[in-house]
Amino acid sequence: MSPENLALVMLGTLFITLFLGHPLAFSFGFLALVFGFIGWGGSPDIVFNLLANRAYGVMEEYVLTAVPLFIFMAQVLDSSGIAEKLFESMHIIMGPVRGGLALAVIMACAIFAASACVVGATEVSVGLLAVPALMSRGYNVSLTAGAVCAGGTLGIIIPPSIMLVVYGSLAALSVEHLYAAAFGPGILLSALYVAYIAVRCGIKPSDGPPLPKEERVHTAWFKVKTFMTSLFPAVVLAVVVLGSILAGVATPTEAAGMGCAGAVLLTIGYRKFTWKAIYNASWSTFLTTSMVMTLYLGGNAFQAIFMGLGGGEAVTRFIIGTDVGPYGALFIMMGIVFFMGMFIDWLGILLIVIPVFSPVAMELGFNQIWFATLVCVNLQMAFLTPPLGYSLFYLRGIAPPEMTIAHIYKGAVPFIALQWVGLILCILFPEVILWLPRAAFGVGAVG
């Protein structure tokens, strides 16, 4: 068997092991060893040296230091109560509007996502307050579920996002450029969610009734004060982290460090600081980072053997040979990513598709920053698509008994459709993605 065919068998075997339920990280590592020995004639020196070099390369990857820092920042912010204050302030401001509380969920999630960068922290923090508030005021149960789930997924695309850090490291792309590129799609998706809720509740007010007049008791000064004490600090933190990166003042790792310091200061300012909270945040960061890095090491081993056997060239020739044109090939790749998102988490998908699809995108002449952002926008859907959408189960864990899993699945469907609309708009209008990288870093940064 030729090395390229062996690489394709390796890829097929990976999917079999995943559907059998084996842990992804160890499936990656085990298959890398087995197919490495087969491909190089049973020579352990070549395989072990290659894998050792890849492991050492991961340890030398400076940008990956940002991963635990951003995770710690999210954990500290989660304990600070800032998400609750964000929702309460948006609740006061948007309450008189039809569907205003659902709109408040999306806006609070978008603002918190720009600070927290983790889906679970965003969704659970906002959802614990939002779900009872919306349901007690007669909001449609499925709309409530969909708004919380979709708002939570913004945490994985709106910078600073851990997904973009990992993608940049795996594909050797600038994380700064990816952050700038993801800003436009994040705003676009937020706008699509807001427009859908506003139109739906405008047509059918019973799905999202405005607050009754007796609850609209807050003065303009109170609203301004609420804004200054809740929204303003979160916005400042996001601007400091993202602004320092886009301005070229700080690397993502340095900005993450500043974000951690800012998160601790916010916790002190909101009088939620305790050493136990810091300990819990540190322990959660340790566990999550260990999981990410174990997957990363296994994925790098798999990538090294797969590419060494010529798998990237084989897949490139196959997809280009389908003769469907560049955009036909692009939609095939996007469809595969979407399908994988139903069964595998985002990190596993990145570890599989980057070595397979990046050579195809380069051969087709696609801008690499643009293509990478499309994949990340697509992976938002992985959090919403049954049967294994993480956002669905985050919400199920905090939902009251009257919100069933059927309500959650039904509520997610319109937002999945909106995510496809957002993805297609990003394909049809590349400037949605590329305008900010060009503005911040120049035309040469993105081609």
Protein backbone atom coordinates (compact mmCIF):
# COMPACT_ATOMS: atom_id res chain seq x y z
CA MET A 1 0.00 0.00 0.00
CA SER A 2 1.30 3.44 -0.95
CA PRO A 3 2.02 5.95 1.84
CA GLU A 4 -0.81 8.24 0.67
CA ASN A 5 -3.38 5.42 0.76
CA LEU A 6 -2.06 4.45 4.18
CA ALA A 7 -2.67 8.05 5.35
CA LEU A 8 -6.28 7.86 4.14
CA VAL A 9 -6.74 4.54 5.98
CA MET A 10 -5.31 6.28 9.05
CA LEU A 11 -7.91 9.05 8.75
CA GLY A 12 -10.74 6.54 8.32
CA THR A 13 -9.54 4.53 11.31
CA LEU A 14 -9.60 7.71 13.42
CA PHE A 15 -13.30 8.22 12.69
CA ILE A 16 -14.02 4.60 13.57
CA THR A 17 -12.28 4.93 16.94
CA LEU A 18 -14.16 8.16 17.66
CA PHE A 19 -17.57 6.65 16.88
CA LEU A 20 -16.67 3.70 19.10
CA GLY A 21 -16.32 6.21 21.94
CA HIS A 22 -12.57 6.09 22.56
CA PRO A 23 -10.94 9.24 24.05
CA LEU A 24 -9.84 11.58 21.28
CA ALA A 25 -6.41 12.48 22.64
CA PHE A 26 -5.33 8.86 23.08
CA SER A 27 -6.86 7.86 19.73
CA PHE A 28 -4.69 10.50 18.07
CA GLY A 29 -1.53 9.35 19.83
CA PHE A 30 -2.11 5.61 19.40
CA LEU A 31 -2.89 5.85 15.69
CA ALA A 32 0.15 8.09 15.16
CA LEU A 33 2.39 5.40 16.65
CA VAL A 34 0.79 2.47 14.82
CA PHE A 35 0.67 4.06 11.38
CA GLY A 36 4.05 5.68 11.88
CA PHE A 37 5.63 2.26 12.44
CA ILE A 38 3.79 0.83 9.45
CA GLY A 39 4.62 3.73 7.17
CA TRP A 40 8.31 3.82 8.03
CA GLY A 41 8.89 0.08 7.96
CA GLY A 42 8.80 -0.50 11.70
CA SER A 43 11.71 1.85 12.38
CA PRO A 44 11.18 3.27 15.88
CA ASP A 45 13.93 5.89 15.64
CA ILE A 46 12.26 7.89 12.86
CA VAL A 47 8.81 7.79 14.49
CA PHE A 48 9.93 8.57 18.03
CA ASN A 49 12.23 11.38 16.91
CA LEU A 50 9.46 12.92 14.83
CA LEU A 51 6.93 12.74 17.67
CA ALA A 52 9.45 13.99 20.24
CA ASN A 53 10.25 16.99 18.05
CA ARG A 54 6.54 17.75 17.70
CA ALA A 55 6.02 17.50 21.48
CA TYR A 56 8.99 19.78 22.11
CA GLY A 57 7.60 22.21 19.53
CA VAL A 58 4.32 22.40 21.46
CA MET A 59 6.22 23.21 24.66
CA GLU A 60 8.13 25.97 22.84
CA GLU A 61 4.95 27.53 21.39
CA TYR A 62 4.88 30.86 23.20
CA VAL A 63 1.38 31.84 22.05
CA LEU A 64 -0.13 28.80 23.79
CA THR A 65 0.70 30.45 27.12
CA ALA A 66 -2.35 32.60 26.40
CA VAL A 67 -4.65 29.58 26.74
CA PRO A 68 -4.41 29.10 30.54
CA LEU A 69 -4.34 32.87 31.04
CA PHE A 70 -7.59 33.40 29.13
CA ILE A 71 -9.19 30.43 30.88
CA PHE A 72 -8.17 31.84 34.28
CA MET A 73 -9.51 35.26 33.27
CA ALA A 74 -12.86 33.68 32.36
CA GLN A 75 -13.04 31.74 35.61
CA VAL A 76 -12.31 34.83 37.71
CA LEU A 77 -14.85 36.91 35.79
CA ASP A 78 -17.41 34.17 36.32
CA SER A 79 -16.97 34.47 40.09
CA SER A 80 -17.00 38.29 40.00
CA GLY A 81 -20.71 38.51 39.26
CA ILE A 82 -20.10 40.73 36.24
CA ALA A 83 -22.34 38.59 34.01
CA GLU A 84 -25.23 39.06 36.41
CA LYS A 85 -24.68 42.82 36.49
CA LEU A 86 -24.50 42.93 32.70
CA PHE A 87 -27.82 41.14 32.33
CA GLU A 88 -29.49 43.23 35.03
CA SER A 89 -28.40 46.46 33.35
CA MET A 90 -29.52 45.28 29.90
CA HIS A 91 -32.75 44.08 31.51
CA ILE A 92 -33.43 47.60 32.80
CA ILE A 93 -32.54 49.28 29.51
CA MET A 94 -34.22 46.84 27.07
CA GLY A 95 -37.16 45.66 29.20
CA PRO A 96 -39.79 48.06 27.78
CA VAL A 97 -39.20 46.75 24.22
CA ARG A 98 -40.99 43.72 22.77
CA GLY A 99 -38.62 40.82 23.19
CA GLY A 100 -36.40 43.17 25.17
CA LEU A 101 -35.29 40.59 27.75
CA ALA A 102 -34.27 38.13 25.01
CA LEU A 103 -32.40 40.97 23.29
CA ALA A 104 -30.76 41.71 26.63
CA VAL A 105 -29.54 38.08 26.76
CA ILE A 106 -27.81 38.40 23.37
CA MET A 107 -26.26 41.78 24.18
CA ALA A 108 -25.08 40.71 27.63
CA CYS A 109 -23.59 37.51 26.19
CA ALA A 110 -21.80 39.44 23.42
CA ILE A 111 -20.27 41.89 25.90
CA PHE A 112 -19.34 39.17 28.38
CA ALA A 113 -17.91 37.03 25.55
CA ALA A 114 -15.49 39.84 24.71
CA SER A 115 -14.18 39.49 28.26
CA ALA A 116 -14.65 35.82 29.13
CA CYS A 117 -13.77 34.00 25.84
CA VAL A 118 -15.34 30.72 27.06
CA VAL A 119 -18.78 29.42 26.03
CA GLY A 120 -19.59 27.65 29.30
CA ALA A 121 -18.79 30.64 31.51
CA THR A 122 -20.83 33.00 29.33
CA GLU A 123 -23.88 30.79 28.95
CA VAL A 124 -24.15 29.51 32.51
CA SER A 125 -23.50 32.89 34.13
CA VAL A 126 -26.09 34.74 32.02
CA GLY A 127 -28.48 31.79 31.81
CA LEU A 128 -28.86 31.37 35.57
CA LEU A 129 -30.45 34.82 35.73
CA ALA A 130 -31.99 35.06 32.28
CA VAL A 131 -33.99 31.84 32.15
CA PRO A 132 -36.08 32.48 35.31
CA ALA A 133 -36.50 36.17 34.38
CA LEU A 134 -37.79 35.44 30.87
CA MET A 135 -40.00 32.50 31.79
CA SER A 136 -41.61 34.32 34.72
CA ARG A 137 -42.66 37.08 32.33
CA GLY A 138 -44.29 34.78 29.82
CA TYR A 139 -41.56 34.49 27.19
CA ASN A 140 -41.80 31.58 24.77
CA VAL A 141 -39.84 28.70 26.31
CA SER A 142 -38.11 27.68 23.06
CA LEU A 143 -37.18 31.29 22.28
CA THR A 144 -35.72 31.62 25.77
CA ALA A 145 -33.67 28.44 25.31
CA GLY A 146 -32.46 29.43 21.85
CA ALA A 147 -31.44 32.93 22.90
CA VAL A 148 -29.40 31.69 25.87
CA CYS A 149 -27.72 28.90 23.88
CA ALA A 150 -26.94 31.07 20.85
CA GLY A 151 -25.76 33.98 22.98
CA GLY A 152 -23.44 31.65 24.85
CA THR A 153 -21.80 30.39 21.64
CA LEU A 154 -20.61 33.93 20.88
CA GLY A 155 -17.90 33.29 23.47
CA ILE A 156 -16.02 31.04 21.07
CA ILE A 157 -15.88 33.46 18.11
CA ILE A 158 -15.78 36.97 19.61
CA PRO A 159 -12.16 37.74 20.57
CA PRO A 160 -10.38 37.00 22.79
CA SER A 161 -11.20 33.41 21.87
CA ILE A 162 -9.24 30.33 22.87
CA MET A 163 -10.28 28.69 19.61
CA LEU A 164 -8.46 31.36 17.61
CA VAL A 165 -5.31 30.95 19.70
CA VAL A 166 -5.30 27.20 19.06
CA TYR A 167 -6.06 27.64 15.36
CA GLY A 168 -3.26 30.16 14.95
CA SER A 169 -0.77 27.85 16.63
CA LEU A 170 -1.81 24.77 14.62
CA ALA A 171 -1.89 26.53 11.26
CA ALA A 172 1.08 28.86 11.88
CA LEU A 173 -1.14 31.94 11.42
CA SER A 174 -0.97 35.21 13.33
CA VAL A 175 -3.33 35.15 16.31
CA GLU A 176 -3.49 38.95 16.15
CA HIS A 177 -4.77 38.77 12.56
CA LEU A 178 -7.28 36.06 13.47
CA TYR A 179 -8.59 38.16 16.35
CA ALA A 180 -9.09 41.12 14.02
CA ALA A 181 -10.75 38.87 11.42
CA ALA A 182 -13.20 37.31 13.89
CA PHE A 183 -14.50 40.64 15.13
CA GLY A 184 -16.69 41.26 12.06
CA PRO A 185 -18.39 37.82 12.06
CA GLY A 186 -18.98 38.09 15.82
CA ILE A 187 -20.80 41.40 15.39
CA LEU A 188 -22.66 40.03 12.33
CA LEU A 189 -23.95 36.98 14.21
CA SER A 190 -24.98 39.11 17.18
CA ALA A 191 -26.88 41.43 14.83
CA LEU A 192 -28.62 38.48 13.13
CA TYR A 193 -29.75 37.12 16.51
CA VAL A 194 -31.02 40.53 17.61
CA ALA A 195 -32.86 41.07 14.30
CA TYR A 196 -34.50 37.64 14.46
CA ILE A 197 -35.73 38.14 18.04
CA ALA A 198 -36.96 41.68 17.30
CA VAL A 199 -38.86 40.60 14.17
CA ARG A 200 -40.30 37.47 15.78
CA CYS A 201 -41.52 39.31 18.87
CA GLY A 202 -42.76 42.20 16.74
CA ILE A 203 -44.91 39.81 14.70
CA LYS A 204 -45.95 37.70 17.67
CA PRO A 205 -45.78 39.81 20.87
CA SER A 206 -46.84 36.88 23.07
CA ASP A 207 -43.45 35.25 22.43
CA GLY A 208 -41.67 38.17 24.10
CA PRO A 209 -43.93 40.61 25.89
CA PRO A 210 -42.43 43.90 27.13
CA LEU A 211 -42.15 44.59 30.81
CA PRO A 212 -45.46 45.80 32.27
CA LYS A 213 -45.60 49.52 33.01
CA GLU A 214 -45.58 48.99 36.77
CA GLU A 215 -42.07 47.46 36.47
CA ARG A 216 -40.69 50.38 34.44
CA VAL A 217 -39.83 52.42 37.51
CA HIS A 218 -36.20 53.27 36.85
CA THR A 219 -35.18 56.85 36.17
CA ALA A 220 -32.79 57.92 33.43
CA TRP A 221 -30.13 58.67 36.06
CA PHE A 222 -30.49 55.17 37.51
CA LYS A 223 -30.00 53.68 34.03
CA VAL A 224 -26.87 55.76 33.48
CA LYS A 225 -25.52 54.74 36.88
CA THR A 226 -26.25 51.09 36.15
CA PHE A 227 -24.46 51.37 32.83
CA MET A 228 -21.40 52.93 34.42
CA THR A 229 -21.14 50.30 37.17
CA SER A 230 -21.83 47.19 35.07
CA LEU A 231 -21.44 47.65 31.32
CA PHE A 232 -18.62 50.18 31.39
CA PRO A 233 -16.06 48.09 33.36
CA ALA A 234 -16.64 45.05 31.13
CA VAL A 235 -16.30 47.15 27.98
CA VAL A 236 -13.10 48.75 29.29
CA LEU A 237 -11.61 45.32 30.07
CA ALA A 238 -12.47 44.06 26.56
CA VAL A 239 -11.02 47.21 24.97
CA VAL A 240 -7.80 46.91 26.98
CA VAL A 241 -7.32 43.26 26.00
CA LEU A 242 -8.36 43.50 22.35
CA GLY A 243 -7.19 47.06 21.78
CA SER A 244 -3.67 46.30 22.97
CA ILE A 245 -3.50 43.36 20.55
CA LEU A 246 -4.92 45.20 17.53
CA ALA A 247 -2.76 48.25 18.22
CA GLY A 248 0.35 46.06 18.28
CA VAL A 249 1.16 47.14 21.83
CA ALA A 250 0.91 43.63 23.29
CA THR A 251 1.02 40.04 22.09
CA PRO A 252 -2.03 37.84 22.82
CA THR A 253 -0.15 36.30 25.74
CA GLU A 254 0.72 39.70 27.24
CA ALA A 255 -2.85 40.92 26.69
CA ALA A 256 -4.16 37.78 28.41
CA GLY A 257 -1.96 38.59 31.40
CA MET A 258 -3.39 42.10 31.55
CA GLY A 259 -6.86 40.59 31.27
CA CYS A 260 -6.22 38.36 34.27
CA ALA A 261 -5.09 41.35 36.33
CA GLY A 262 -8.15 43.32 35.19
CA ALA A 263 -10.48 40.45 36.07
CA VAL A 264 -9.04 40.25 39.59
CA LEU A 265 -9.41 44.02 40.00
CA LEU A 266 -13.05 43.82 38.86
CA THR A 267 -13.67 41.06 41.39
CA ILE A 268 -12.20 43.26 44.13
CA GLY A 269 -14.22 46.25 42.91
CA TYR A 270 -17.47 44.24 43.03
CA ARG A 271 -16.51 42.94 46.50
CA LYS A 272 -16.56 39.31 45.35
CA PHE A 273 -12.87 38.62 45.88
CA THR A 274 -12.02 35.63 48.08
CA TRP A 275 -8.99 33.39 48.15
CA LYS A 276 -11.31 30.41 47.76
CA ALA A 277 -12.61 31.89 44.48
CA ILE A 278 -9.03 32.35 43.24
CA TYR A 279 -8.20 28.77 44.25
CA ASN A 280 -11.27 27.42 42.46
CA ALA A 281 -10.46 29.46 39.36
CA SER A 282 -6.86 28.22 39.40
CA TRP A 283 -7.91 24.58 39.82
CA SER A 284 -10.48 24.82 37.01
CA THR A 285 -7.83 26.45 34.82
CA PHE A 286 -5.41 23.61 35.57
CA LEU A 287 -7.95 20.93 34.66
CA THR A 288 -9.11 22.63 31.46
CA THR A 289 -5.58 23.47 30.30
CA SER A 290 -4.46 19.88 30.94
CA MET A 291 -7.31 18.60 28.78
CA VAL A 292 -6.53 21.05 25.98
CA MET A 293 -2.80 20.33 25.99
CA THR A 294 -3.25 16.55 26.09
CA LEU A 295 -5.47 16.80 23.03
CA TYR A 296 -3.00 19.19 21.44
CA LEU A 297 -0.07 16.80 21.91
CA GLY A 298 -2.04 13.85 20.53
CA GLY A 299 -3.31 15.93 17.61
CA ASN A 300 0.19 17.13 16.76
CA ALA A 301 1.45 13.56 16.73
CA PHE A 302 -1.39 12.52 14.40
CA GLN A 303 -0.79 15.54 12.18
CA ALA A 304 2.95 14.80 11.90
CA ILE A 305 2.43 11.20 10.76
CA PHE A 306 -0.55 11.97 8.53
CA MET A 307 1.27 14.75 6.70
CA GLY A 308 4.50 12.75 6.61
CA LEU A 309 2.69 9.93 4.78
CA GLY A 310 1.36 12.40 2.21
CA GLY A 311 -2.21 12.54 3.48
CA GLY A 312 -2.52 16.29 2.92
CA GLU A 313 -1.58 15.98 -0.76
CA ALA A 314 -3.97 13.03 -1.23
CA VAL A 315 -6.94 14.91 0.21
CA THR A 316 -6.05 18.02 -1.78
CA ARG A 317 -6.00 16.08 -5.05
CA PHE A 318 -9.26 14.33 -4.18
CA ILE A 319 -11.22 17.49 -3.34
CA ILE A 320 -9.82 19.51 -6.23
CA GLY A 321 -10.37 16.50 -8.51
CA THR A 322 -14.11 16.55 -7.80
CA ASP A 323 -14.22 19.36 -10.39
CA VAL A 324 -16.83 21.40 -8.53
CA GLY A 325 -14.84 24.62 -8.59
CA PRO A 326 -13.23 26.50 -5.71
CA TYR A 327 -16.47 27.47 -3.98
CA GLY A 328 -17.96 24.03 -4.49
CA ALA A 329 -14.89 22.59 -2.76
CA LEU A 330 -15.27 25.21 -0.02
CA PHE A 331 -18.88 24.19 0.66
CA ILE A 332 -17.84 20.53 0.75
CA MET A 333 -15.28 21.37 3.43
CA MET A 334 -17.76 23.52 5.37
CA GLY A 335 -20.33 20.70 5.18
CA ILE A 336 -17.81 18.20 6.57
CA VAL A 337 -16.93 20.54 9.44
CA PHE A 338 -20.64 21.04 10.19
CA PHE A 339 -21.28 17.27 10.19
CA MET A 340 -18.29 16.59 12.44
CA GLY A 341 -19.59 19.25 14.83
CA MET A 342 -22.56 17.02 15.62
CA PHE A 343 -20.29 14.41 17.17
CA ILE A 344 -16.89 15.93 18.06
CA ASP A 345 -15.94 19.01 20.07
CA TRP A 346 -14.32 22.02 18.44
CA LEU A 347 -10.76 21.22 19.50
CA GLY A 348 -10.91 17.70 18.08
CA ILE A 349 -12.31 19.07 14.82
CA LEU A 350 -9.51 21.62 14.52
CA LEU A 351 -6.88 18.96 15.12
CA ILE A 352 -8.39 16.84 12.35
CA VAL A 353 -9.32 19.41 9.69
CA ILE A 354 -6.40 21.85 9.83
CA PRO A 355 -3.81 19.40 8.43
CA VAL A 356 -6.37 18.07 5.94
CA PHE A 357 -8.07 21.26 4.69
CA SER A 358 -5.37 23.91 4.99
CA PRO A 359 -3.37 22.51 2.00
CA VAL A 360 -6.62 22.39 -0.01
CA ALA A 361 -7.40 26.02 0.81
CA MET A 362 -3.89 27.06 -0.18
CA GLU A 363 -4.10 25.13 -3.46
CA LEU A 364 -7.44 26.80 -4.24
CA GLY A 365 -5.88 30.21 -3.61
CA PHE A 366 -8.08 31.13 -0.64
CA ASN A 367 -6.87 33.74 1.80
CA GLN A 368 -5.73 31.75 4.82
CA ILE A 369 -7.03 34.21 7.43
CA TRP A 370 -10.41 34.29 5.67
CA PHE A 371 -10.60 30.50 5.42
CA ALA A 372 -9.56 30.03 9.06
CA THR A 373 -12.27 32.44 10.22
CA LEU A 374 -14.89 30.61 8.13
CA VAL A 375 -13.97 27.35 9.87
CA CYS A 376 -14.25 29.03 13.28
CA VAL A 377 -17.65 30.58 12.41
CA ASN A 378 -18.78 27.13 11.30
CA LEU A 379 -17.59 25.60 14.56
CA GLN A 380 -19.99 27.85 16.47
CA MET A 381 -22.68 25.52 15.15
CA ALA A 382 -20.95 22.56 16.81
CA PHE A 383 -22.13 23.97 20.14
CA LEU A 384 -25.77 24.02 19.02
CA THR A 385 -26.18 20.95 16.81
CA PRO A 386 -27.66 17.79 18.39
CA PRO A 387 -26.89 15.23 19.57
CA LEU A 388 -23.70 16.48 21.30
CA GLY A 389 -24.01 20.29 21.21
CA TYR A 390 -22.33 21.47 24.40
CA SER A 391 -24.46 24.62 24.69
CA LEU A 392 -27.61 22.51 24.74
CA PHE A 393 -26.36 20.51 27.69
CA TYR A 394 -24.96 23.55 29.52
CA LEU A 395 -28.49 24.97 29.44
CA ARG A 396 -30.10 21.65 30.34
CA GLY A 397 -27.98 21.58 33.49
CA ILE A 398 -29.34 24.91 34.75
CA ALA A 399 -32.85 24.88 33.23
CA PRO A 400 -36.02 24.56 35.35
CA PRO A 401 -38.11 21.37 34.98
CA GLU A 402 -40.65 23.04 32.69
CA MET A 403 -37.91 23.63 30.07
CA THR A 404 -37.42 20.20 28.52
CA ILE A 405 -34.67 19.03 26.18
CA ALA A 406 -37.26 19.18 23.37
CA HIS A 407 -37.73 22.91 24.05
CA ILE A 408 -33.97 23.41 23.95
CA TYR A 409 -33.52 21.52 20.66
CA LYS A 410 -36.47 23.36 19.08
CA GLY A 411 -35.13 26.71 20.25
CA ALA A 412 -31.68 26.05 18.79
CA VAL A 413 -32.90 25.33 15.24
CA PRO A 414 -33.61 28.95 14.14
CA PHE A 415 -30.27 30.09 15.50
CA ILE A 416 -28.42 27.30 13.67
CA ALA A 417 -30.11 28.56 10.49
CA LEU A 418 -28.95 32.10 11.34
CA GLN A 419 -25.40 30.84 11.82
CA TRP A 420 -25.55 29.34 8.32
CA VAL A 421 -26.80 32.70 7.03
CA GLY A 422 -23.88 34.39 8.77
CA LEU A 423 -21.41 31.88 7.32
CA ILE A 424 -22.78 32.34 3.79
CA LEU A 425 -22.64 36.14 4.13
CA CYS A 426 -18.99 35.86 5.19
CA ILE A 427 -18.31 33.76 2.08
CA LEU A 428 -20.18 36.09 -0.29
CA PHE A 429 -18.72 39.24 1.28
CA PRO A 430 -15.14 38.48 2.39
CA GLU A 431 -14.68 42.05 3.65
CA VAL A 432 -16.91 41.16 6.63
CA ILE A 433 -13.86 39.20 7.80
CA LEU A 434 -10.97 41.06 6.20
CA TRP A 435 -11.80 44.73 6.74
CA LEU A 436 -10.44 44.99 10.28
CA PRO A 437 -7.19 43.03 9.68
CA ARG A 438 -6.51 45.31 6.72
CA ALA A 439 -7.34 48.42 8.72
CA ALA A 440 -5.25 47.34 11.71
CA PHE A 441 -2.30 45.61 10.06
CA GLY A 442 -2.30 46.74 6.42
CA VAL A 443 -3.16 45.05 3.13
CA GLY A 444 -0.05 42.89 3.22
CA ALA A 445 -1.19 41.24 6.44
CA VAL A 446 -4.06 39.40 4.76
CA GLY A 447 -3.16 39.49 1.09
